[in-house]
Amino acid sequence: MENDPVAERFSSIAWALDERLRRIVAAGEAKAIGRGGISSVSRSTGVSRRAIHAGLKELQDHPQDPTPRRIRRPGAGRKKISEADPSLMSDLGIVRI
């Protein structure tokens, strides 16, 4: 479909979506469209109607204040400089309580 905003949005991010996110993004688009959204999004994205229905159920069952999902493993990332140099805090005159 030419100039289909749903198809354009979806194709621009499709490379980064795993199966779960594909159906959730498609379901979000269908929900935003309202009546007829599931069929329209299915045609625009190639995601099955069944998968969009599953995504809508996931959106409905999703808690409003979820525990954030980690991107990195626990302990990954840069260490605090105070851990790398234990004398740093005392050298700066900072007292820990």
PDB file of N, CA and C in Angstrom:
ATOM      1  N   MET A   1       0.851  -1.183   0.000  1.00  0.00           N
ATOM      2  CA  MET A   1       0.000   0.000   0.000  1.00  0.00           C
ATOM      3  C   MET A   1       0.891   1.239   0.000  1.00  0.00           C
ATOM      4  N   GLU A   2       0.609   2.111  -0.878  1.00  0.00           N
ATOM      5  CA  GLU A   2       1.380   3.330  -0.999  1.00  0.00           C
ATOM      6  C   GLU A   2       0.960   4.344   0.050  1.00  0.00           C
ATOM      7  N   ASN A   3       1.932   5.007   0.654  1.00  0.00           N
ATOM      8  CA  ASN A   3       1.677   6.039   1.667  1.00  0.00           C
ATOM      9  C   ASN A   3       0.896   5.525   2.868  1.00  0.00           C
ATOM     10  N   ASP A   4       1.102   4.278   3.222  1.00  0.00           N
ATOM     11  CA  ASP A   4       0.451   3.703   4.394  1.00  0.00           C
ATOM     12  C   ASP A   4       1.339   3.977   5.603  1.00  0.00           C
ATOM     13  N   PRO A   5       0.911   4.872   6.504  1.00  0.00           N
ATOM     14  CA  PRO A   5       1.775   5.231   7.636  1.00  0.00           C
ATOM     15  C   PRO A   5       2.089   4.057   8.559  1.00  0.00           C
ATOM     16  N   VAL A   6       1.156   3.132   8.730  1.00  0.00           N
ATOM     17  CA  VAL A   6       1.408   1.964   9.575  1.00  0.00           C
ATOM     18  C   VAL A   6       2.520   1.116   8.957  1.00  0.00           C
ATOM     19  N   ALA A   7       2.425   0.875   7.665  1.00  0.00           N
ATOM     20  CA  ALA A   7       3.432   0.070   6.970  1.00  0.00           C
ATOM     21  C   ALA A   7       4.793   0.753   7.026  1.00  0.00           C
ATOM     22  N   GLU A   8       4.826   2.069   6.869  1.00  0.00           N
ATOM     23  CA  GLU A   8       6.087   2.813   6.918  1.00  0.00           C
ATOM     24  C   GLU A   8       6.717   2.735   8.309  1.00  0.00           C
ATOM     25  N   ARG A   9       5.903   2.958   9.348  1.00  0.00           N
ATOM     26  CA  ARG A   9       6.433   2.882  10.721  1.00  0.00           C
ATOM     27  C   ARG A   9       6.950   1.494  11.027  1.00  0.00           C
ATOM     28  N   PHE A  10       6.161   0.493  10.667  1.00  0.00           N
ATOM     29  CA  PHE A  10       6.524  -0.875  10.983  1.00  0.00           C
ATOM     30  C   PHE A  10       7.779  -1.299  10.237  1.00  0.00           C
ATOM     31  N   SER A  11       7.870  -0.972   8.961  1.00  0.00           N
ATOM     32  CA  SER A  11       9.036  -1.400   8.184  1.00  0.00           C
ATOM     33  C   SER A  11      10.308  -0.695   8.645  1.00  0.00           C
ATOM     34  N   SER A  12      10.177   0.498   9.216  1.00  0.00           N
ATOM     35  CA  SER A  12      11.377   1.208   9.668  1.00  0.00           C
ATOM     36  C   SER A  12      11.965   0.605  10.935  1.00  0.00           C
ATOM     37  N   ILE A  13      11.160  -0.128  11.720  1.00  0.00           N
ATOM     38  CA  ILE A  13      11.672  -0.722  12.957  1.00  0.00           C
ATOM     39  C   ILE A  13      11.646  -2.244  12.948  1.00  0.00           C
ATOM     40  N   ALA A  14      11.140  -2.846  11.899  1.00  0.00           N
ATOM     41  CA  ALA A  14      10.967  -4.306  11.853  1.00  0.00           C
ATOM     42  C   ALA A  14      12.275  -5.055  12.096  1.00  0.00           C
ATOM     43  N   TRP A  15      13.375  -4.511  11.658  1.00  0.00           N
ATOM     44  CA  TRP A  15      14.669  -5.185  11.827  1.00  0.00           C
ATOM     45  C   TRP A  15      15.033  -5.382  13.300  1.00  0.00           C
ATOM     46  N   ALA A  16      14.504  -4.540  14.182  1.00  0.00           N
ATOM     47  CA  ALA A  16      14.872  -4.592  15.598  1.00  0.00           C
ATOM     48  C   ALA A  16      13.875  -5.370  16.448  1.00  0.00           C
ATOM     49  N   LEU A  17      12.812  -5.860  15.855  1.00  0.00           N
ATOM     50  CA  LEU A  17      11.749  -6.498  16.618  1.00  0.00           C
ATOM     51  C   LEU A  17      11.890  -8.008  16.638  1.00  0.00           C
ATOM     52  N   ASP A  18      11.809  -8.580  17.840  1.00  0.00           N
ATOM     53  CA  ASP A  18      11.717 -10.028  17.933  1.00  0.00           C
ATOM     54  C   ASP A  18      10.231 -10.392  17.806  1.00  0.00           C
ATOM     55  N   GLU A  19       9.925 -11.665  17.884  1.00  0.00           N
ATOM     56  CA  GLU A  19       8.546 -12.118  17.668  1.00  0.00           C
ATOM     57  C   GLU A  19       7.557 -11.465  18.637  1.00  0.00           C
ATOM     58  N   ARG A  20       7.937 -11.383  19.903  1.00  0.00           N
ATOM     59  CA  ARG A  20       7.053 -10.800  20.922  1.00  0.00           C
ATOM     60  C   ARG A  20       6.807  -9.316  20.650  1.00  0.00           C
ATOM     61  N   LEU A  21       7.871  -8.586  20.365  1.00  0.00           N
ATOM     62  CA  LEU A  21       7.711  -7.152  20.118  1.00  0.00           C
ATOM     63  C   LEU A  21       6.954  -6.883  18.815  1.00  0.00           C
ATOM     64  N   ARG A  22       7.121  -7.755  17.818  1.00  0.00           N
ATOM     65  CA  ARG A  22       6.368  -7.589  16.568  1.00  0.00           C
ATOM     66  C   ARG A  22       4.877  -7.579  16.852  1.00  0.00           C
ATOM     67  N   ARG A  23       4.418  -8.559  17.636  1.00  0.00           N
ATOM     68  CA  ARG A  23       2.975  -8.635  17.881  1.00  0.00           C
ATOM     69  C   ARG A  23       2.508  -7.513  18.793  1.00  0.00           C
ATOM     70  N   ILE A  24       3.345  -7.064  19.729  1.00  0.00           N
ATOM     71  CA  ILE A  24       2.946  -5.970  20.617  1.00  0.00           C
ATOM     72  C   ILE A  24       2.869  -4.651  19.862  1.00  0.00           C
ATOM     73  N   VAL A  25       3.858  -4.390  18.994  1.00  0.00           N
ATOM     74  CA  VAL A  25       3.817  -3.158  18.191  1.00  0.00           C
ATOM     75  C   VAL A  25       2.611  -3.184  17.259  1.00  0.00           C
ATOM     76  N   ALA A  26       2.388  -4.324  16.607  1.00  0.00           N
ATOM     77  CA  ALA A  26       1.233  -4.441  15.711  1.00  0.00           C
ATOM     78  C   ALA A  26      -0.074  -4.262  16.482  1.00  0.00           C
ATOM     79  N   ALA A  27      -0.148  -4.836  17.681  1.00  0.00           N
ATOM     80  CA  ALA A  27      -1.353  -4.699  18.500  1.00  0.00           C
ATOM     81  C   ALA A  27      -1.552  -3.251  18.929  1.00  0.00           C
ATOM     82  N   GLY A  28      -0.480  -2.562  19.260  1.00  0.00           N
ATOM     83  CA  GLY A  28      -0.588  -1.147  19.632  1.00  0.00           C
ATOM     84  C   GLY A  28      -1.120  -0.304  18.484  1.00  0.00           C
ATOM     85  N   GLU A  29      -0.642  -0.589  17.288  1.00  0.00           N
ATOM     86  CA  GLU A  29      -1.142   0.124  16.100  1.00  0.00           C
ATOM     87  C   GLU A  29      -2.627  -0.179  15.892  1.00  0.00           C
ATOM     88  N   ALA A  30      -2.999  -1.456  16.016  1.00  0.00           N
ATOM     89  CA  ALA A  30      -4.402  -1.842  15.814  1.00  0.00           C
ATOM     90  C   ALA A  30      -5.300  -1.181  16.849  1.00  0.00           C
ATOM     91  N   LYS A  31      -4.830  -1.136  18.083  1.00  0.00           N
ATOM     92  CA  LYS A  31      -5.612  -0.509  19.150  1.00  0.00           C
ATOM     93  C   LYS A  31      -5.784   0.984  18.894  1.00  0.00           C
ATOM     94  N   ALA A  32      -4.726   1.625  18.406  1.00  0.00           N
ATOM     95  CA  ALA A  32      -4.797   3.070  18.125  1.00  0.00           C
ATOM     96  C   ALA A  32      -5.772   3.369  16.985  1.00  0.00           C
ATOM     97  N   ILE A  33      -5.850   2.469  16.004  1.00  0.00           N
ATOM     98  CA  ILE A  33      -6.760   2.681  14.875  1.00  0.00           C
ATOM     99  C   ILE A  33      -8.205   2.498  15.308  1.00  0.00           C
ATOM    100  N   GLY A  34      -8.437   1.516  16.173  1.00  0.00           N
ATOM    101  CA  GLY A  34      -9.811   1.260  16.613  1.00  0.00           C
ATOM    102  C   GLY A  34     -10.483   0.244  15.719  1.00  0.00           C
ATOM    103  N   ARG A  35     -11.774   0.463  15.449  1.00  0.00           N
ATOM    104  CA  ARG A  35     -12.560  -0.493  14.663  1.00  0.00           C
ATOM    105  C   ARG A  35     -11.886  -0.758  13.315  1.00  0.00           C
ATOM    106  N   GLY A  36     -11.702  -2.042  13.005  1.00  0.00           N
ATOM    107  CA  GLY A  36     -11.078  -2.440  11.746  1.00  0.00           C
ATOM    108  C   GLY A  36      -9.555  -2.400  11.795  1.00  0.00           C
ATOM    109  N   GLY A  37      -9.008  -2.034  12.944  1.00  0.00           N
ATOM    110  CA  GLY A  37      -7.564  -1.887  13.068  1.00  0.00           C
ATOM    111  C   GLY A  37      -6.797  -3.179  12.907  1.00  0.00           C
ATOM    112  N   ILE A  38      -7.335  -4.268  13.423  1.00  0.00           N
ATOM    113  CA  ILE A  38      -6.637  -5.552  13.355  1.00  0.00           C
ATOM    114  C   ILE A  38      -6.451  -5.969  11.893  1.00  0.00           C
ATOM    115  N   SER A  39      -7.494  -5.891  11.109  1.00  0.00           N
ATOM    116  CA  SER A  39      -7.402  -6.266   9.696  1.00  0.00           C
ATOM    117  C   SER A  39      -6.478  -5.338   8.938  1.00  0.00           C
ATOM    118  N   SER A  40      -6.600  -4.048   9.207  1.00  0.00           N
ATOM    119  CA  SER A  40      -5.775  -3.061   8.523  1.00  0.00           C
ATOM    120  C   SER A  40      -4.293  -3.248   8.829  1.00  0.00           C
ATOM    121  N   VAL A  41      -3.975  -3.448  10.091  1.00  0.00           N
ATOM    122  CA  VAL A  41      -2.578  -3.630  10.496  1.00  0.00           C
ATOM    123  C   VAL A  41      -2.048  -4.948   9.953  1.00  0.00           C
ATOM    124  N   SER A  42      -2.858  -5.973   9.953  1.00  0.00           N
ATOM    125  CA  SER A  42      -2.438  -7.255   9.415  1.00  0.00           C
ATOM    126  C   SER A  42      -2.063  -7.125   7.942  1.00  0.00           C
ATOM    127  N   ARG A  43      -2.875  -6.439   7.179  1.00  0.00           N
ATOM    128  CA  ARG A  43      -2.578  -6.225   5.750  1.00  0.00           C
ATOM    129  C   ARG A  43      -1.329  -5.374   5.571  1.00  0.00           C
ATOM    130  N   SER A  44      -1.160  -4.354   6.398  1.00  0.00           N
ATOM    131  CA  SER A  44      -0.037  -3.424   6.253  1.00  0.00           C
ATOM    132  C   SER A  44       1.297  -4.013   6.674  1.00  0.00           C
ATOM    133  N   THR A  45       1.282  -4.877   7.680  1.00  0.00           N
ATOM    134  CA  THR A  45       2.531  -5.356   8.267  1.00  0.00           C
ATOM    135  C   THR A  45       2.874  -6.801   7.936  1.00  0.00           C
ATOM    136  N   GLY A  46       1.868  -7.585   7.568  1.00  0.00           N
ATOM    137  CA  GLY A  46       2.093  -9.000   7.330  1.00  0.00           C
ATOM    138  C   GLY A  46       2.022  -9.829   8.602  1.00  0.00           C
ATOM    139  N   VAL A  47       1.743  -9.196   9.740  1.00  0.00           N
ATOM    140  CA  VAL A  47       1.569  -9.909  11.004  1.00  0.00           C
ATOM    141  C   VAL A  47       0.167 -10.515  11.003  1.00  0.00           C
ATOM    142  N   SER A  48       0.061 -11.768  11.384  1.00  0.00           N
ATOM    143  CA  SER A  48      -1.242 -12.444  11.319  1.00  0.00           C
ATOM    144  C   SER A  48      -2.232 -11.831  12.304  1.00  0.00           C
ATOM    145  N   ARG A  49      -3.500 -11.950  11.962  1.00  0.00           N
ATOM    146  CA  ARG A  49      -4.558 -11.460  12.851  1.00  0.00           C
ATOM    147  C   ARG A  49      -4.487 -12.170  14.201  1.00  0.00           C
ATOM    148  N   ARG A  50      -4.163 -13.451  14.174  1.00  0.00           N
ATOM    149  CA  ARG A  50      -4.061 -14.229  15.413  1.00  0.00           C
ATOM    150  C   ARG A  50      -2.954 -13.657  16.310  1.00  0.00           C
ATOM    151  N   ALA A  51      -1.820 -13.309  15.715  1.00  0.00           N
ATOM    152  CA  ALA A  51      -0.715 -12.736  16.488  1.00  0.00           C
ATOM    153  C   ALA A  51      -1.105 -11.361  17.047  1.00  0.00           C
ATOM    154  N   ILE A  52      -1.845 -10.587  16.286  1.00  0.00           N
ATOM    155  CA  ILE A  52      -2.282  -9.264  16.763  1.00  0.00           C
ATOM    156  C   ILE A  52      -3.249  -9.435  17.930  1.00  0.00           C
ATOM    157  N   HIS A  53      -4.151 -10.411  17.838  1.00  0.00           N
ATOM    158  CA  HIS A  53      -5.061 -10.684  18.958  1.00  0.00           C
ATOM    159  C   HIS A  53      -4.272 -11.076  20.207  1.00  0.00           C
ATOM    160  N   ALA A  54      -3.238 -11.904  20.023  1.00  0.00           N
ATOM    161  CA  ALA A  54      -2.395 -12.299  21.157  1.00  0.00           C
ATOM    162  C   ALA A  54      -1.686 -11.069  21.738  1.00  0.00           C
ATOM    163  N   GLY A  55      -1.230 -10.182  20.875  1.00  0.00           N
ATOM    164  CA  GLY A  55      -0.589  -8.947  21.335  1.00  0.00           C
ATOM    165  C   GLY A  55      -1.542  -8.056  22.100  1.00  0.00           C
ATOM    166  N   LEU A  56      -2.787  -7.974  21.645  1.00  0.00           N
ATOM    167  CA  LEU A  56      -3.786  -7.171  22.357  1.00  0.00           C
ATOM    168  C   LEU A  56      -4.048  -7.742  23.748  1.00  0.00           C
ATOM    169  N   LYS A  57      -4.061  -9.074  23.847  1.00  0.00           N
ATOM    170  CA  LYS A  57      -4.245  -9.698  25.155  1.00  0.00           C
ATOM    171  C   LYS A  57      -3.050  -9.391  26.059  1.00  0.00           C
ATOM    172  N   GLU A  58      -1.847  -9.431  25.504  1.00  0.00           N
ATOM    173  CA  GLU A  58      -0.657  -9.097  26.293  1.00  0.00           C
ATOM    174  C   GLU A  58      -0.717  -7.648  26.776  1.00  0.00           C
ATOM    175  N   LEU A  59      -1.151  -6.753  25.908  1.00  0.00           N
ATOM    176  CA  LEU A  59      -1.268  -5.345  26.300  1.00  0.00           C
ATOM    177  C   LEU A  59      -2.304  -5.171  27.406  1.00  0.00           C
ATOM    178  N   GLN A  60      -3.401  -5.901  27.310  1.00  0.00           N
ATOM    179  CA  GLN A  60      -4.468  -5.802  28.301  1.00  0.00           C
ATOM    180  C   GLN A  60      -4.017  -6.375  29.645  1.00  0.00           C
ATOM    181  N   ASP A  61      -3.291  -7.499  29.614  1.00  0.00           N
ATOM    182  CA  ASP A  61      -2.873  -8.168  30.844  1.00  0.00           C
ATOM    183  C   ASP A  61      -1.620  -7.560  31.462  1.00  0.00           C
ATOM    184  N   HIS A  62      -0.967  -6.673  30.737  1.00  0.00           N
ATOM    185  CA  HIS A  62       0.296  -6.095  31.201  1.00  0.00           C
ATOM    186  C   HIS A  62       0.049  -5.168  32.386  1.00  0.00           C
ATOM    187  N   PRO A  63       0.813  -5.344  33.488  1.00  0.00           N
ATOM    188  CA  PRO A  63       0.636  -4.459  34.635  1.00  0.00           C
ATOM    189  C   PRO A  63       1.025  -3.016  34.279  1.00  0.00           C
ATOM    190  N   GLN A  64       0.352  -2.076  34.887  1.00  0.00           N
ATOM    191  CA  GLN A  64       0.603  -0.662  34.589  1.00  0.00           C
ATOM    192  C   GLN A  64       1.957  -0.186  35.091  1.00  0.00           C
ATOM    193  N   ASP A  65       2.453  -0.774  36.188  1.00  0.00           N
ATOM    194  CA  ASP A  65       3.743  -0.374  36.740  1.00  0.00           C
ATOM    195  C   ASP A  65       4.654  -1.603  36.787  1.00  0.00           C
ATOM    196  N   PRO A  66       5.151  -2.016  35.622  1.00  0.00           N
ATOM    197  CA  PRO A  66       5.927  -3.248  35.593  1.00  0.00           C
ATOM    198  C   PRO A  66       7.329  -3.056  36.153  1.00  0.00           C
ATOM    199  N   THR A  67       7.919  -4.156  36.540  1.00  0.00           N
ATOM    200  CA  THR A  67       9.323  -4.135  36.905  1.00  0.00           C
ATOM    201  C   THR A  67      10.097  -3.952  35.606  1.00  0.00           C
ATOM    202  N   PRO A  68      11.003  -2.987  35.568  1.00  0.00           N
ATOM    203  CA  PRO A  68      11.715  -2.747  34.308  1.00  0.00           C
ATOM    204  C   PRO A  68      12.530  -3.966  33.878  1.00  0.00           C
ATOM    205  N   ARG A  69      12.504  -4.244  32.594  1.00  0.00           N
ATOM    206  CA  ARG A  69      13.299  -5.340  32.058  1.00  0.00           C
ATOM    207  C   ARG A  69      14.724  -4.857  31.890  1.00  0.00           C
ATOM    208  N   ARG A  70      15.662  -5.692  32.260  1.00  0.00           N
ATOM    209  CA  ARG A  70      17.074  -5.339  32.135  1.00  0.00           C
ATOM    210  C   ARG A  70      17.517  -5.517  30.694  1.00  0.00           C
ATOM    211  N   ILE A  71      18.328  -4.603  30.218  1.00  0.00           N
ATOM    212  CA  ILE A  71      18.947  -4.734  28.912  1.00  0.00           C
ATOM    213  C   ILE A  71      20.304  -5.406  29.080  1.00  0.00           C
ATOM    214  N   ARG A  72      21.036  -4.975  30.082  1.00  0.00           N
ATOM    215  CA  ARG A  72      22.349  -5.557  30.362  1.00  0.00           C
ATOM    216  C   ARG A  72      22.239  -6.577  31.477  1.00  0.00           C
ATOM    217  N   ARG A  73      23.210  -7.468  31.518  1.00  0.00           N
ATOM    218  CA  ARG A  73      23.279  -8.428  32.604  1.00  0.00           C
ATOM    219  C   ARG A  73      23.587  -7.687  33.894  1.00  0.00           C
ATOM    220  N   PRO A  74      23.143  -8.199  35.039  1.00  0.00           N
ATOM    221  CA  PRO A  74      23.509  -7.569  36.309  1.00  0.00           C
ATOM    222  C   PRO A  74      25.027  -7.519  36.444  1.00  0.00           C
ATOM    223  N   GLY A  75      25.529  -6.365  36.844  1.00  0.00           N
ATOM    224  CA  GLY A  75      26.968  -6.195  37.004  1.00  0.00           C
ATOM    225  C   GLY A  75      27.669  -5.692  35.762  1.00  0.00           C
ATOM    226  N   ALA A  76      26.951  -5.615  34.646  1.00  0.00           N
ATOM    227  CA  ALA A  76      27.564  -5.133  33.418  1.00  0.00           C
ATOM    228  C   ALA A  76      27.673  -3.614  33.461  1.00  0.00           C
ATOM    229  N   GLY A  77      28.497  -3.080  32.633  1.00  0.00           N
ATOM    230  CA  GLY A  77      28.676  -1.638  32.573  1.00  0.00           C
ATOM    231  C   GLY A  77      29.905  -1.192  33.349  1.00  0.00           C
ATOM    232  N   ARG A  78      30.151   0.086  33.299  1.00  0.00           N
ATOM    233  CA  ARG A  78      31.327   0.648  33.940  1.00  0.00           C
ATOM    234  C   ARG A  78      31.196   0.595  35.453  1.00  0.00           C
ATOM    235  N   LYS A  79      32.273   0.266  36.109  1.00  0.00           N
ATOM    236  CA  LYS A  79      32.291   0.227  37.570  1.00  0.00           C
ATOM    237  C   LYS A  79      32.436   1.654  38.108  1.00  0.00           C
ATOM    238  N   LYS A  80      31.946   1.860  39.316  1.00  0.00           N
ATOM    239  CA  LYS A  80      32.094   3.167  39.952  1.00  0.00           C
ATOM    240  C   LYS A  80      33.566   3.433  40.181  1.00  0.00           C
ATOM    241  N   ILE A  81      33.973   4.672  39.992  1.00  0.00           N
ATOM    242  CA  ILE A  81      35.380   5.026  40.157  1.00  0.00           C
ATOM    243  C   ILE A  81      35.828   4.827  41.599  1.00  0.00           C
ATOM    244  N   SER A  82      34.892   4.978  42.532  1.00  0.00           N
ATOM    245  CA  SER A  82      35.241   4.770  43.942  1.00  0.00           C
ATOM    246  C   SER A  82      35.531   3.292  44.237  1.00  0.00           C
ATOM    247  N   GLU A  83      34.992   2.388  43.405  1.00  0.00           N
ATOM    248  CA  GLU A  83      35.316   0.970  43.557  1.00  0.00           C
ATOM    249  C   GLU A  83      36.686   0.660  42.979  1.00  0.00           C
ATOM    250  N   ALA A  84      37.041   1.341  41.889  1.00  0.00           N
ATOM    251  CA  ALA A  84      38.338   1.114  41.265  1.00  0.00           C
ATOM    252  C   ALA A  84      39.474   1.692  42.102  1.00  0.00           C
ATOM    253  N   ASP A  85      39.209   2.795  42.804  1.00  0.00           N
ATOM    254  CA  ASP A  85      40.224   3.452  43.643  1.00  0.00           C
ATOM    255  C   ASP A  85      39.626   3.660  45.029  1.00  0.00           C
ATOM    256  N   PRO A  86      39.777   2.679  45.919  1.00  0.00           N
ATOM    257  CA  PRO A  86      39.152   2.748  47.237  1.00  0.00           C
ATOM    258  C   PRO A  86      39.590   3.954  48.075  1.00  0.00           C
ATOM    259  N   SER A  87      40.776   4.496  47.830  1.00  0.00           N
ATOM    260  CA  SER A  87      41.250   5.636  48.631  1.00  0.00           C
ATOM    261  C   SER A  87      40.751   6.977  48.087  1.00  0.00           C
ATOM    262  N   LEU A  88      40.052   6.978  46.972  1.00  0.00           N
ATOM    263  CA  LEU A  88      39.600   8.219  46.354  1.00  0.00           C
ATOM    264  C   LEU A  88      38.730   9.059  47.277  1.00  0.00           C
ATOM    265  N   MET A  89      37.766   8.447  47.919  1.00  0.00           N
ATOM    266  CA  MET A  89      36.845   9.199  48.772  1.00  0.00           C
ATOM    267  C   MET A  89      37.577   9.861  49.933  1.00  0.00           C
ATOM    268  N   SER A  90      38.504   9.139  50.559  1.00  0.00           N
ATOM    269  CA  SER A  90      39.245   9.756  51.683  1.00  0.00           C
ATOM    270  C   SER A  90      40.227  10.812  51.173  1.00  0.00           C
ATOM    271  N   ASP A  91      40.803  10.593  49.975  1.00  0.00           N
ATOM    272  CA  ASP A  91      41.705  11.598  49.402  1.00  0.00           C
ATOM    273  C   ASP A  91      40.958  12.895  49.089  1.00  0.00           C
ATOM    274  N   LEU A  92      39.694  12.793  48.756  1.00  0.00           N
ATOM    275  CA  LEU A  92      38.881  13.985  48.464  1.00  0.00           C
ATOM    276  C   LEU A  92      38.296  14.583  49.738  1.00  0.00           C
ATOM    277  N   GLY A  93      38.451  13.921  50.844  1.00  0.00           N
ATOM    278  CA  GLY A  93      37.944  14.424  52.123  1.00  0.00           C
ATOM    279  C   GLY A  93      36.467  14.145  52.326  1.00  0.00           C
ATOM    280  N   ILE A  94      35.934  13.169  51.609  1.00  0.00           N
ATOM    281  CA  ILE A  94      34.516  12.819  51.729  1.00  0.00           C
ATOM    282  C   ILE A  94      34.395  11.683  52.732  1.00  0.00           C
ATOM    283  N   VAL A  95      33.556  11.886  53.734  1.00  0.00           N
ATOM    284  CA  VAL A  95      33.365  10.902  54.794  1.00  0.00           C
ATOM    285  C   VAL A  95      32.091  10.131  54.498  1.00  0.00           C
ATOM    286  N   ARG A  96      32.204   8.819  54.499  1.00  0.00           N
ATOM    287  CA  ARG A  96      31.009   7.983  54.319  1.00  0.00           C
ATOM    288  C   ARG A  96      30.428   7.648  55.674  1.00  0.00           C
ATOM    289  N   ILE A  97      29.128   7.680  55.731  1.00  0.00           N
ATOM    290  CA  ILE A  97      28.437   7.388  56.996  1.00  0.00           C
ATOM    291  C   ILE A  97      27.885   6.003  56.946  1.00  0.00           C
TER     292      ILE A  97
END
